[in-house]
């Protein structure tokens, strides 16, 4: 399976946005975007004027990189969103938010989505009491995500839970930090998804 192996900090600098791809490091003075707030590469400091297509492309790349997806998988989510009733852009965001790796990150079991993905693959989480090791697994309303009993002493999980309040826990999740579990209470509204994303530009790009 294809995997992005280059520097994650380059992605934030390219989009000129903190996407918190490296967890706690993004809150410190070591954050690459704070130290070098311009695009990577030899011509990164040049001012660029994007065409309409360029603006749409940058928005798609930003959303794709936030959730740690490559193009083929991301386009698959768009096609699913387009086939469903309702607003395609909102459907796309809801599909991405329901991913297991994103839920583990949102609840506070990891400091980043990439870290959550690794721990899922190593089998540290349960969904409704059953082991699931597929990062793209989609949770449904009412599903409970918990940490395995024997995995609760893992340092990265404990430290992530200690700092989750700094990130904030979304209102559509119910989290029980003491018992290492969280429940998807309902699907968020567009107003509750506070990421700086204009999903309509992504829809326009793929609709050409």
Protein backbone atom coordinates (compact mmCIF):
# COMPACT_ATOMS: atom_id res chain seq x y z
CA UNK A 1 0.00 0.00 0.00
CA UNK A 2 1.27 3.47 -0.91
CA UNK A 3 2.35 5.69 1.96
CA UNK A 4 3.58 9.28 2.25
CA UNK A 5 7.11 9.13 3.71
CA UNK A 6 8.38 12.70 3.31
CA UNK A 7 8.44 15.41 5.99
CA UNK A 8 5.00 16.17 7.49
CA UNK A 9 6.09 19.71 8.36
CA UNK A 10 6.53 20.45 4.65
CA UNK A 11 2.82 19.78 4.16
CA UNK A 12 1.80 22.38 6.75
CA UNK A 13 4.21 24.91 5.25
CA UNK A 14 2.90 24.20 1.75
CA UNK A 15 -0.69 24.86 2.80
CA UNK A 16 0.32 27.74 5.12
CA UNK A 17 -1.81 26.16 7.84
CA UNK A 18 -1.15 24.28 11.05
CA UNK A 19 -2.70 20.87 10.45
CA UNK A 20 -1.22 19.40 13.67
CA UNK A 21 0.22 16.43 11.80
CA UNK A 22 2.98 15.94 14.39
CA UNK A 23 0.90 16.21 17.54
CA UNK A 24 2.36 18.08 20.50
CA UNK A 25 5.36 19.32 18.52
CA UNK A 26 3.00 21.66 16.65
CA UNK A 27 2.28 23.50 19.93
CA UNK A 28 5.94 24.18 20.68
CA UNK A 29 8.56 26.58 19.35
CA UNK A 30 9.88 23.71 17.21
CA UNK A 31 6.88 24.00 14.86
CA UNK A 32 8.28 24.44 11.35
CA UNK A 33 5.43 26.73 10.27
CA UNK A 34 6.19 29.14 13.12
CA UNK A 35 9.90 29.12 12.34
CA UNK A 36 9.59 29.31 8.54
CA UNK A 37 6.15 30.59 7.63
CA UNK A 38 6.51 30.18 3.88
CA UNK A 39 6.19 27.34 1.38
CA UNK A 40 9.06 24.81 1.18
CA UNK A 41 11.48 24.72 -1.72
CA UNK A 42 13.82 27.09 -3.48
CA UNK A 43 11.03 29.44 -4.59
CA UNK A 44 8.89 29.13 -1.47
CA UNK A 45 9.16 32.79 -0.52
CA UNK A 46 7.91 34.07 -3.88
CA UNK A 47 4.40 35.50 -3.96
CA UNK A 48 2.10 33.43 -6.14
CA UNK A 49 -1.26 34.25 -7.62
CA UNK A 50 -3.41 31.16 -8.09
CA UNK A 51 -5.99 30.59 -10.81
CA UNK A 52 -9.47 29.34 -9.88
CA UNK A 53 -8.26 25.81 -10.53
CA UNK A 54 -5.19 26.40 -8.35
CA UNK A 55 -7.35 27.59 -5.44
CA UNK A 56 -9.58 24.51 -5.75
CA UNK A 57 -6.56 22.21 -5.96
CA UNK A 58 -4.96 23.70 -2.85
CA UNK A 59 -8.21 23.23 -0.90
CA UNK A 60 -8.42 19.59 -1.96
CA UNK A 61 -4.79 18.97 -1.05
CA UNK A 62 -5.31 20.65 2.33
CA UNK A 63 -8.31 18.46 3.23
CA UNK A 64 -6.65 15.30 1.95
CA UNK A 65 -3.49 15.94 3.95
CA UNK A 66 -5.37 16.81 7.15
CA UNK A 67 -6.83 13.30 7.24
CA UNK A 68 -3.67 11.61 5.97
CA UNK A 69 -5.13 10.19 2.74
CA UNK A 70 -3.64 9.68 -0.69
CA UNK A 71 -5.45 10.63 -3.88
CA UNK A 72 -7.10 7.34 -4.80
CA UNK A 73 -8.62 6.81 -1.36
CA UNK A 74 -9.71 10.44 -1.07
CA UNK A 75 -11.44 10.34 -4.45
CA UNK A 76 -13.24 7.19 -3.35
CA UNK A 77 -14.69 9.09 -0.40
CA UNK A 78 -15.80 11.88 -2.73
CA UNK A 79 -17.61 9.42 -4.99
CA UNK A 80 -19.41 7.90 -2.00
CA UNK A 81 -20.37 11.38 -0.77
CA UNK A 82 -21.64 12.34 -4.23
CA UNK A 83 -23.90 9.27 -4.39
CA UNK A 84 -25.58 10.05 -1.06
CA UNK A 85 -28.53 12.35 -0.52
CA UNK A 86 -27.81 15.82 0.79
CA UNK A 87 -24.95 18.26 0.29
CA UNK A 88 -21.95 16.52 -1.26
CA UNK A 89 -19.35 18.63 0.57
CA UNK A 90 -20.90 17.99 3.98
CA UNK A 91 -21.31 14.29 3.19
CA UNK A 92 -17.58 14.16 2.40
CA UNK A 93 -16.61 15.78 5.71
CA UNK A 94 -18.88 13.44 7.67
CA UNK A 95 -17.36 10.37 6.02
CA UNK A 96 -13.86 11.57 6.88
CA UNK A 97 -14.85 12.41 10.46
CA UNK A 98 -16.31 8.92 11.00
CA UNK A 99 -13.04 7.17 10.17
CA UNK A 100 -11.67 5.16 13.07
CA UNK A 101 -8.26 6.86 13.03
CA UNK A 102 -9.92 10.28 13.15
CA UNK A 103 -12.22 9.22 16.00
CA UNK A 104 -9.27 7.93 18.04
CA UNK A 105 -7.56 11.29 17.51
CA UNK A 106 -10.66 13.36 18.30
CA UNK A 107 -11.42 11.43 21.49
CA UNK A 108 -7.84 11.90 22.66
CA UNK A 109 -6.28 8.45 22.42
CA UNK A 110 -3.50 9.82 20.19
CA UNK A 111 -1.77 13.13 19.49
CA UNK A 112 -2.21 12.91 15.72
CA UNK A 113 -4.15 10.94 13.13
CA UNK A 114 -1.00 9.23 11.88
CA UNK A 115 -0.19 8.06 15.41
CA UNK A 116 -3.77 6.82 15.79
CA UNK A 117 -3.45 4.91 12.51
CA UNK A 118 -0.33 3.14 13.72
CA UNK A 119 -1.93 2.13 17.02
CA UNK A 120 -5.04 0.84 15.24
CA UNK A 121 -2.89 -1.33 12.99
CA UNK A 122 -1.19 -2.71 16.12
CA UNK A 123 -4.58 -3.68 17.54
CA UNK A 124 -4.86 -1.43 20.59
CA UNK A 125 -8.51 -0.40 20.15
CA UNK A 126 -11.95 -1.94 20.46
CA UNK A 127 -15.17 -0.86 18.73
CA UNK A 128 -18.22 -1.98 20.71
CA UNK A 129 -15.98 -4.45 22.56
CA UNK A 130 -14.54 -6.06 19.42
CA UNK A 131 -11.01 -5.60 18.10
CA UNK A 132 -10.77 -3.54 14.89
CA UNK A 133 -7.44 -2.93 13.14
CA UNK A 134 -8.68 -1.06 10.05
CA UNK A 135 -7.99 2.72 10.21
CA UNK A 136 -10.63 3.45 7.54
CA UNK A 137 -13.40 1.65 9.47
CA UNK A 138 -16.44 3.96 9.64
CA UNK A 139 -18.09 4.34 13.03
CA UNK A 140 -21.87 4.72 13.30
CA UNK A 141 -23.84 6.85 15.73
CA UNK A 142 -23.87 5.07 19.09
CA UNK A 143 -20.64 3.14 18.52
CA UNK A 144 -18.21 2.99 21.44
CA UNK A 145 -14.46 3.22 20.91
CA UNK A 146 -12.25 2.06 23.77
CA UNK A 147 -8.66 1.13 24.51
CA UNK A 148 -7.82 -2.50 25.25
CA UNK A 149 -7.17 -3.21 28.91
CA UNK A 150 -3.59 -4.31 28.33
CA UNK A 151 -2.89 -1.22 26.16
CA UNK A 152 -3.91 1.40 28.71
CA UNK A 153 -0.40 1.77 30.11
CA UNK A 154 1.11 2.74 26.76
CA UNK A 155 2.88 6.07 27.28
CA UNK A 156 1.66 7.78 24.08
CA UNK A 157 -1.98 6.99 24.90
CA UNK A 158 -1.68 8.27 28.47
CA UNK A 159 0.13 11.44 27.43
CA UNK A 160 -2.41 12.11 24.66
CA UNK A 161 -5.29 11.87 27.15
CA UNK A 162 -3.50 14.27 29.48
CA UNK A 163 -3.31 16.93 26.75
CA UNK A 164 -6.65 16.36 24.99
CA UNK A 165 -8.31 19.29 26.75
CA UNK A 166 -5.85 21.64 25.02
CA UNK A 167 -7.20 20.52 21.65
CA UNK A 168 -10.78 20.39 22.85
CA UNK A 169 -13.23 17.49 22.66
CA UNK A 170 -15.93 17.90 19.98
CA UNK A 171 -19.51 18.23 21.20
CA UNK A 172 -20.67 15.21 19.18
CA UNK A 173 -18.43 12.90 21.22
CA UNK A 174 -18.91 11.67 24.78
CA UNK A 175 -15.57 10.86 26.39
CA UNK A 176 -14.87 8.94 29.59
CA UNK A 177 -11.15 9.48 30.17
CA UNK A 178 -11.10 7.41 33.38
CA UNK A 179 -12.35 4.30 31.56
CA UNK A 180 -10.50 4.98 28.30
CA UNK A 181 -13.57 5.09 26.10
CA UNK A 182 -15.61 7.44 23.95
CA UNK A 183 -18.99 7.28 22.20
CA UNK A 184 -20.09 8.86 18.93
CA UNK A 185 -23.27 10.57 20.16
CA UNK A 186 -24.31 11.93 16.78
CA UNK A 187 -23.06 13.37 13.51
CA UNK A 188 -21.76 16.95 13.66
CA UNK A 189 -23.41 19.84 11.87
CA UNK A 190 -21.34 21.90 9.45
CA UNK A 191 -21.01 24.66 12.06
CA UNK A 192 -19.50 22.18 14.54
CA UNK A 193 -16.73 21.20 12.13
CA UNK A 194 -14.45 24.14 12.79
CA UNK A 195 -11.54 23.30 10.49
CA UNK A 196 -10.70 26.11 8.00
CA UNK A 197 -11.96 24.18 4.99
CA UNK A 198 -14.09 25.30 2.03
CA UNK A 199 -15.35 21.90 0.94
CA UNK A 200 -17.41 23.40 -1.91
CA UNK A 201 -14.15 24.14 -3.73
CA UNK A 202 -13.29 20.43 -3.55
CA UNK A 203 -16.70 19.56 -4.98
CA UNK A 204 -16.19 22.05 -7.82
CA UNK A 205 -12.76 20.59 -8.60
CA UNK A 206 -14.00 17.00 -8.87
CA UNK A 207 -17.16 18.02 -10.75
CA UNK A 208 -15.27 19.35 -13.77
